[in-house]
PDB file of N, CA and C in Angstrom:
ATOM      1  N   MET A   1       0.842  -1.185   0.000  1.00  0.00           N
ATOM      2  CA  MET A   1       0.000   0.000   0.000  1.00  0.00           C
ATOM      3  C   MET A   1       0.884   1.245   0.000  1.00  0.00           C
ATOM      4  N   PHE A   2       0.514   2.212  -0.819  1.00  0.00           N
ATOM      5  CA  PHE A   2       1.252   3.467  -0.899  1.00  0.00           C
ATOM      6  C   PHE A   2       0.540   4.558  -0.103  1.00  0.00           C
ATOM      7  N   VAL A   3       1.308   5.326   0.653  1.00  0.00           N
ATOM      8  CA  VAL A   3       0.788   6.474   1.405  1.00  0.00           C
ATOM      9  C   VAL A   3       1.578   7.687   0.943  1.00  0.00           C
ATOM     10  N   TYR A   4       0.865   8.759   0.616  1.00  0.00           N
ATOM     11  CA  TYR A   4       1.493   9.994   0.147  1.00  0.00           C
ATOM     12  C   TYR A   4       1.360  11.061   1.221  1.00  0.00           C
ATOM     13  N   THR A   5       2.484  11.677   1.598  1.00  0.00           N
ATOM     14  CA  THR A   5       2.432  12.775   2.569  1.00  0.00           C
ATOM     15  C   THR A   5       1.789  13.994   1.901  1.00  0.00           C
ATOM     16  N   SER A   6       1.314  14.932   2.694  1.00  0.00           N
ATOM     17  CA  SER A   6       0.731  16.150   2.121  1.00  0.00           C
ATOM     18  C   SER A   6       1.794  16.913   1.331  1.00  0.00           C
ATOM     19  N   HIS A   7       3.035  16.847   1.782  1.00  0.00           N
ATOM     20  CA  HIS A   7       4.136  17.503   1.061  1.00  0.00           C
ATOM     21  C   HIS A   7       4.252  16.943  -0.356  1.00  0.00           C
ATOM     22  N   VAL A   8       4.270  15.634  -0.481  1.00  0.00           N
ATOM     23  CA  VAL A   8       4.452  15.042  -1.806  1.00  0.00           C
ATOM     24  C   VAL A   8       3.209  15.236  -2.681  1.00  0.00           C
ATOM     25  N   GLU A   9       2.031  15.225  -2.089  1.00  0.00           N
ATOM     26  CA  GLU A   9       0.810  15.496  -2.869  1.00  0.00           C
ATOM     27  C   GLU A   9       0.915  16.867  -3.543  1.00  0.00           C
ATOM     28  N   HIS A  10       1.358  17.849  -2.778  1.00  0.00           N
ATOM     29  CA  HIS A  10       1.529  19.203  -3.315  1.00  0.00           C
ATOM     30  C   HIS A  10       2.619  19.229  -4.386  1.00  0.00           C
ATOM     31  N   ARG A  11       3.756  18.621  -4.082  1.00  0.00           N
ATOM     32  CA  ARG A  11       4.898  18.649  -5.004  1.00  0.00           C
ATOM     33  C   ARG A  11       4.616  17.932  -6.319  1.00  0.00           C
ATOM     34  N   ILE A  12       3.948  16.787  -6.282  1.00  0.00           N
ATOM     35  CA  ILE A  12       3.728  16.074  -7.546  1.00  0.00           C
ATOM     36  C   ILE A  12       2.704  16.791  -8.425  1.00  0.00           C
ATOM     37  N   ARG A  13       1.754  17.486  -7.807  1.00  0.00           N
ATOM     38  CA  ARG A  13       0.843  18.319  -8.607  1.00  0.00           C
ATOM     39  C   ARG A  13       1.638  19.442  -9.259  1.00  0.00           C
ATOM     40  N   GLN A  14       2.478  20.081  -8.468  1.00  0.00           N
ATOM     41  CA  GLN A  14       3.308  21.184  -8.937  1.00  0.00           C
ATOM     42  C   GLN A  14       4.250  20.728 -10.056  1.00  0.00           C
ATOM     43  N   ARG A  15       4.810  19.534  -9.909  1.00  0.00           N
ATOM     44  CA  ARG A  15       5.807  19.027 -10.865  1.00  0.00           C
ATOM     45  C   ARG A  15       5.200  18.171 -11.973  1.00  0.00           C
ATOM     46  N   LYS A  16       3.875  17.978 -11.926  1.00  0.00           N
ATOM     47  CA  LYS A  16       3.159  17.193 -12.935  1.00  0.00           C
ATOM     48  C   LYS A  16       3.712  15.771 -13.059  1.00  0.00           C
ATOM     49  N   ILE A  17       3.871  15.117 -11.910  1.00  0.00           N
ATOM     50  CA  ILE A  17       4.350  13.735 -11.856  1.00  0.00           C
ATOM     51  C   ILE A  17       3.177  12.848 -11.462  1.00  0.00           C
ATOM     52  N   SER A  18       2.973  11.778 -12.209  1.00  0.00           N
ATOM     53  CA  SER A  18       1.830  10.903 -11.925  1.00  0.00           C
ATOM     54  C   SER A  18       2.149   9.896 -10.820  1.00  0.00           C
ATOM     55  N   LYS A  19       1.110   9.537 -10.073  1.00  0.00           N
ATOM     56  CA  LYS A  19       1.266   8.509  -9.040  1.00  0.00           C
ATOM     57  C   LYS A  19       1.624   7.170  -9.677  1.00  0.00           C
ATOM     58  N   ALA A  20       1.135   6.917 -10.875  1.00  0.00           N
ATOM     59  CA  ALA A  20       1.474   5.660 -11.565  1.00  0.00           C
ATOM     60  C   ALA A  20       2.977   5.576 -11.808  1.00  0.00           C
ATOM     61  N   HIS A  21       3.596   6.671 -12.232  1.00  0.00           N
ATOM     62  CA  HIS A  21       5.046   6.682 -12.447  1.00  0.00           C
ATOM     63  C   HIS A  21       5.796   6.531 -11.122  1.00  0.00           C
ATOM     64  N   ILE A  22       5.303   7.176 -10.072  1.00  0.00           N
ATOM     65  CA  ILE A  22       5.938   7.066  -8.759  1.00  0.00           C
ATOM     66  C   ILE A  22       5.901   5.615  -8.278  1.00  0.00           C
ATOM     67  N   GLU A  23       4.750   4.984  -8.373  1.00  0.00           N
ATOM     68  CA  GLU A  23       4.605   3.614  -7.887  1.00  0.00           C
ATOM     69  C   GLU A  23       5.405   2.636  -8.739  1.00  0.00           C
ATOM     70  N   ARG A  24       5.451   2.860 -10.049  1.00  0.00           N
ATOM     71  CA  ARG A  24       6.261   2.014 -10.923  1.00  0.00           C
ATOM     72  C   ARG A  24       7.745   2.160 -10.594  1.00  0.00           C
ATOM     73  N   THR A  25       8.165   3.391 -10.265  1.00  0.00           N
ATOM     74  CA  THR A  25       9.560   3.639  -9.903  1.00  0.00           C
ATOM     75  C   THR A  25       9.944   2.896  -8.633  1.00  0.00           C
ATOM     76  N   VAL A  26       9.067   2.911  -7.640  1.00  0.00           N
ATOM     77  CA  VAL A  26       9.352   2.220  -6.372  1.00  0.00           C
ATOM     78  C   VAL A  26       9.338   0.696  -6.565  1.00  0.00           C
ATOM     79  N   LEU A  27       8.377   0.196  -7.292  1.00  0.00           N
ATOM     80  CA  LEU A  27       8.234  -1.254  -7.452  1.00  0.00           C
ATOM     81  C   LEU A  27       9.220  -1.853  -8.450  1.00  0.00           C
ATOM     82  N   HIS A  28       9.603  -1.077  -9.467  1.00  0.00           N
ATOM     83  CA  HIS A  28      10.484  -1.579 -10.531  1.00  0.00           C
ATOM     84  C   HIS A  28      11.543  -0.534 -10.876  1.00  0.00           C
ATOM     85  N   PRO A  29      12.416  -0.215  -9.922  1.00  0.00           N
ATOM     86  CA  PRO A  29      13.414   0.834 -10.170  1.00  0.00           C
ATOM     87  C   PRO A  29      14.536   0.369 -11.095  1.00  0.00           C
ATOM     88  N   ASP A  30      15.144   1.333 -11.791  1.00  0.00           N
ATOM     89  CA  ASP A  30      16.371   1.055 -12.533  1.00  0.00           C
ATOM     90  C   ASP A  30      17.540   1.021 -11.546  1.00  0.00           C
ATOM     91  N   LYS A  31      17.410   1.808 -10.480  1.00  0.00           N
ATOM     92  CA  LYS A  31      18.463   1.915  -9.471  1.00  0.00           C
ATOM     93  C   LYS A  31      17.803   2.257  -8.140  1.00  0.00           C
ATOM     94  N   VAL A  32      18.318   1.687  -7.044  1.00  0.00           N
ATOM     95  CA  VAL A  32      17.796   2.022  -5.720  1.00  0.00           C
ATOM     96  C   VAL A  32      18.964   2.044  -4.741  1.00  0.00           C
ATOM     97  N   GLN A  33      18.925   2.996  -3.816  1.00  0.00           N
ATOM     98  CA  GLN A  33      19.989   3.077  -2.811  1.00  0.00           C
ATOM     99  C   GLN A  33      19.426   3.575  -1.491  1.00  0.00           C
ATOM    100  N   ALA A  34      20.108   3.216  -0.424  1.00  0.00           N
ATOM    101  CA  ALA A  34      19.703   3.657   0.908  1.00  0.00           C
ATOM    102  C   ALA A  34      20.087   5.118   1.091  1.00  0.00           C
ATOM    103  N   SER A  35      19.279   5.834   1.851  1.00  0.00           N
ATOM    104  CA  SER A  35      19.543   7.225   2.184  1.00  0.00           C
ATOM    105  C   SER A  35      19.521   7.336   3.710  1.00  0.00           C
ATOM    106  N   PHE A  36      19.357   8.547   4.225  1.00  0.00           N
ATOM    107  CA  PHE A  36      19.370   8.732   5.680  1.00  0.00           C
ATOM    108  C   PHE A  36      17.993   8.474   6.292  1.00  0.00           C
ATOM    109  N   LYS A  37      17.960   8.226   7.589  1.00  0.00           N
ATOM    110  CA  LYS A  37      16.723   8.003   8.358  1.00  0.00           C
ATOM    111  C   LYS A  37      15.803   6.955   7.723  1.00  0.00           C
ATOM    112  N   LYS A  38      16.376   5.825   7.329  1.00  0.00           N
ATOM    113  CA  LYS A  38      15.623   4.706   6.749  1.00  0.00           C
ATOM    114  C   LYS A  38      14.988   5.027   5.398  1.00  0.00           C
ATOM    115  N   ARG A  39      15.343   6.155   4.814  1.00  0.00           N
ATOM    116  CA  ARG A  39      14.779   6.508   3.507  1.00  0.00           C
ATOM    117  C   ARG A  39      15.501   5.754   2.402  1.00  0.00           C
ATOM    118  N   MET A  40      14.769   5.512   1.330  1.00  0.00           N
ATOM    119  CA  MET A  40      15.326   4.878   0.143  1.00  0.00           C
ATOM    120  C   MET A  40      15.138   5.832  -1.032  1.00  0.00           C
ATOM    121  N   LEU A  41      16.078   5.784  -1.966  1.00  0.00           N
ATOM    122  CA  LEU A  41      15.989   6.576  -3.189  1.00  0.00           C
ATOM    123  C   LEU A  41      15.864   5.611  -4.354  1.00  0.00           C
ATOM    124  N   ALA A  42      14.774   5.695  -5.080  1.00  0.00           N
ATOM    125  CA  ALA A  42      14.567   4.853  -6.252  1.00  0.00           C
ATOM    126  C   ALA A  42      14.586   5.729  -7.494  1.00  0.00           C
ATOM    127  N   GLN A  43      15.230   5.241  -8.545  1.00  0.00           N
ATOM    128  CA  GLN A  43      15.282   5.984  -9.806  1.00  0.00           C
ATOM    129  C   GLN A  43      14.783   5.101 -10.937  1.00  0.00           C
ATOM    130  N   ARG A  44      14.100   5.741 -11.881  1.00  0.00           N
ATOM    131  CA  ARG A  44      13.638   5.029 -13.083  1.00  0.00           C
ATOM    132  C   ARG A  44      13.581   6.026 -14.232  1.00  0.00           C
ATOM    133  N   ASP A  45      14.003   5.545 -15.385  1.00  0.00           N
ATOM    134  CA  ASP A  45      13.989   6.375 -16.588  1.00  0.00           C
ATOM    135  C   ASP A  45      12.638   6.265 -17.292  1.00  0.00           C
ATOM    136  N   PHE A  46      12.068   7.415 -17.635  1.00  0.00           N
ATOM    137  CA  PHE A  46      10.829   7.488 -18.404  1.00  0.00           C
ATOM    138  C   PHE A  46      11.104   8.369 -19.607  1.00  0.00           C
ATOM    139  N   SER A  47      11.312   7.755 -20.753  1.00  0.00           N
ATOM    140  CA  SER A  47      11.536   8.486 -22.013  1.00  0.00           C
ATOM    141  C   SER A  47      12.644   9.528 -21.893  1.00  0.00           C
ATOM    142  N   GLY A  48      13.763   9.138 -21.323  1.00  0.00           N
ATOM    143  CA  GLY A  48      14.909  10.032 -21.234  1.00  0.00           C
ATOM    144  C   GLY A  48      14.918  10.952 -20.026  1.00  0.00           C
ATOM    145  N   SER A  49      13.875  10.942 -19.226  1.00  0.00           N
ATOM    146  CA  SER A  49      13.803  11.760 -18.020  1.00  0.00           C
ATOM    147  C   SER A  49      13.833  10.821 -16.812  1.00  0.00           C
ATOM    148  N   THR A  50      14.747  11.059 -15.880  1.00  0.00           N
ATOM    149  CA  THR A  50      14.878  10.186 -14.714  1.00  0.00           C
ATOM    150  C   THR A  50      14.043  10.709 -13.556  1.00  0.00           C
ATOM    151  N   LEU A  51      13.137   9.863 -13.083  1.00  0.00           N
ATOM    152  CA  LEU A  51      12.318  10.184 -11.919  1.00  0.00           C
ATOM    153  C   LEU A  51      13.010   9.610 -10.694  1.00  0.00           C
ATOM    154  N   GLU A  52      13.147  10.425  -9.647  1.00  0.00           N
ATOM    155  CA  GLU A  52      13.697   9.943  -8.379  1.00  0.00           C
ATOM    156  C   GLU A  52      12.601  10.059  -7.329  1.00  0.00           C
ATOM    157  N   VAL A  53      12.401   8.976  -6.589  1.00  0.00           N
ATOM    158  CA  VAL A  53      11.377   8.916  -5.548  1.00  0.00           C
ATOM    159  C   VAL A  53      12.057   8.604  -4.223  1.00  0.00           C
ATOM    160  N   VAL A  54      11.773   9.414  -3.215  1.00  0.00           N
ATOM    161  CA  VAL A  54      12.271   9.175  -1.861  1.00  0.00           C
ATOM    162  C   VAL A  54      11.113   8.566  -1.071  1.00  0.00           C
ATOM    163  N   TYR A  55      11.379   7.414  -0.458  1.00  0.00           N
ATOM    164  CA  TYR A  55      10.309   6.739   0.274  1.00  0.00           C
ATOM    165  C   TYR A  55      10.852   6.005   1.493  1.00  0.00           C
ATOM    166  N   ILE A  56       9.935   5.621   2.366  1.00  0.00           N
ATOM    167  CA  ILE A  56      10.252   4.825   3.547  1.00  0.00           C
ATOM    168  C   ILE A  56       9.351   3.594   3.519  1.00  0.00           C
ATOM    169  N   GLN A  57       9.955   2.421   3.629  1.00  0.00           N
ATOM    170  CA  GLN A  57       9.185   1.166   3.670  1.00  0.00           C
ATOM    171  C   GLN A  57       8.943   0.803   5.124  1.00  0.00           C
ATOM    172  N   GLU A  58       7.688   0.690   5.509  1.00  0.00           N
ATOM    173  CA  GLU A  58       7.316   0.297   6.871  1.00  0.00           C
ATOM    174  C   GLU A  58       6.399  -0.910   6.769  1.00  0.00           C
ATOM    175  N   GLN A  59       6.980  -2.096   6.892  1.00  0.00           N
ATOM    176  CA  GLN A  59       6.262  -3.358   6.720  1.00  0.00           C
ATOM    177  C   GLN A  59       5.582  -3.373   5.361  1.00  0.00           C
ATOM    178  N   ASP A  60       4.254  -3.430   5.306  1.00  0.00           N
ATOM    179  CA  ASP A  60       3.578  -3.497   4.006  1.00  0.00           C
ATOM    180  C   ASP A  60       3.120  -2.124   3.507  1.00  0.00           C
ATOM    181  N   VAL A  61       3.587  -1.057   4.149  1.00  0.00           N
ATOM    182  CA  VAL A  61       3.232   0.308   3.745  1.00  0.00           C
ATOM    183  C   VAL A  61       4.474   1.003   3.189  1.00  0.00           C
ATOM    184  N   ILE A  62       4.312   1.660   2.052  1.00  0.00           N
ATOM    185  CA  ILE A  62       5.386   2.454   1.459  1.00  0.00           C
ATOM    186  C   ILE A  62       4.963   3.913   1.547  1.00  0.00           C
ATOM    187  N   VAL A  63       5.695   4.690   2.334  1.00  0.00           N
ATOM    188  CA  VAL A  63       5.390   6.106   2.514  1.00  0.00           C
ATOM    189  C   VAL A  63       6.231   6.899   1.526  1.00  0.00           C
ATOM    190  N   ILE A  64       5.556   7.587   0.607  1.00  0.00           N
ATOM    191  CA  ILE A  64       6.250   8.410  -0.384  1.00  0.00           C
ATOM    192  C   ILE A  64       6.540   9.757   0.264  1.00  0.00           C
ATOM    193  N   VAL A  65       7.824  10.130   0.322  1.00  0.00           N
ATOM    194  CA  VAL A  65       8.241  11.374   0.967  1.00  0.00           C
ATOM    195  C   VAL A  65       8.282  12.516  -0.038  1.00  0.00           C
ATOM    196  N   THR A  66       8.918  12.276  -1.186  1.00  0.00           N
ATOM    197  CA  THR A  66       8.941  13.268  -2.249  1.00  0.00           C
ATOM    198  C   THR A  66       9.324  12.591  -3.553  1.00  0.00           C
ATOM    199  N   ALA A  67       9.102  13.300  -4.650  1.00  0.00           N
ATOM    200  CA  ALA A  67       9.442  12.786  -5.974  1.00  0.00           C
ATOM    201  C   ALA A  67       9.770  13.959  -6.878  1.00  0.00           C
ATOM    202  N   TYR A  68      10.746  13.757  -7.759  1.00  0.00           N
ATOM    203  CA  TYR A  68      11.175  14.826  -8.669  1.00  0.00           C
ATOM    204  C   TYR A  68      11.958  14.213  -9.816  1.00  0.00           C
ATOM    205  N   THR A  69      12.033  14.944 -10.920  1.00  0.00           N
ATOM    206  CA  THR A  69      12.913  14.526 -12.001  1.00  0.00           C
ATOM    207  C   THR A  69      14.287  15.101 -11.713  1.00  0.00           C
ATOM    208  N   LEU A  70      15.325  14.371 -12.078  1.00  0.00           N
ATOM    209  CA  LEU A  70      16.680  14.797 -11.748  1.00  0.00           C
ATOM    210  C   LEU A  70      17.118  16.026 -12.539  1.00  0.00           C
ATOM    211  N   GLU A  71      16.432  16.332 -13.614  1.00  0.00           N
ATOM    212  CA  GLU A  71      16.777  17.522 -14.411  1.00  0.00           C
ATOM    213  C   GLU A  71      16.359  18.816 -13.745  1.00  0.00           C
ATOM    214  N   GLU A  72      15.363  18.741 -12.849  1.00  0.00           N
ATOM    215  CA  GLU A  72      14.880  19.968 -12.207  1.00  0.00           C
ATOM    216  C   GLU A  72      15.566  20.170 -10.865  1.00  0.00           C
ATOM    217  N   GLU A  73      15.574  21.390 -10.396  1.00  0.00           N
ATOM    218  CA  GLU A  73      16.135  21.672  -9.070  1.00  0.00           C
ATOM    219  C   GLU A  73      15.122  21.247  -8.021  1.00  0.00           C
ATOM    220  N   HIS A  74      15.629  20.768  -6.892  1.00  0.00           N
ATOM    221  CA  HIS A  74      14.755  20.366  -5.799  1.00  0.00           C
ATOM    222  C   HIS A  74      15.423  20.692  -4.486  1.00  0.00           C
ATOM    223  N   ASP A  75      14.582  20.870  -3.475  1.00  0.00           N
ATOM    224  CA  ASP A  75      15.125  21.142  -2.142  1.00  0.00           C
ATOM    225  C   ASP A  75      14.777  19.984  -1.221  1.00  0.00           C
ATOM    226  N   HIS A  76      15.701  19.651  -0.320  1.00  0.00           N
ATOM    227  CA  HIS A  76      15.483  18.547   0.637  1.00  0.00           C
ATOM    228  C   HIS A  76      15.494  19.101   2.023  1.00  0.00           C
TER     229      HIS A  76
END
């Protein structure tokens, strides 16, 4: 099950990123690595644009923290 924080709901609307792409990136990443505070970074290429999703896996729940394309500037 995917849970979206209010922060990411706002950001993905702003960045025009679909939840389908976010979920596909988490479930079938091209690359994934550990980050800080139990966060994971998943990357997947969509037609030449790389989507990066920051998430936390808590048992059967995946909490989406933020998502952005690597070409755009983002703040953490």
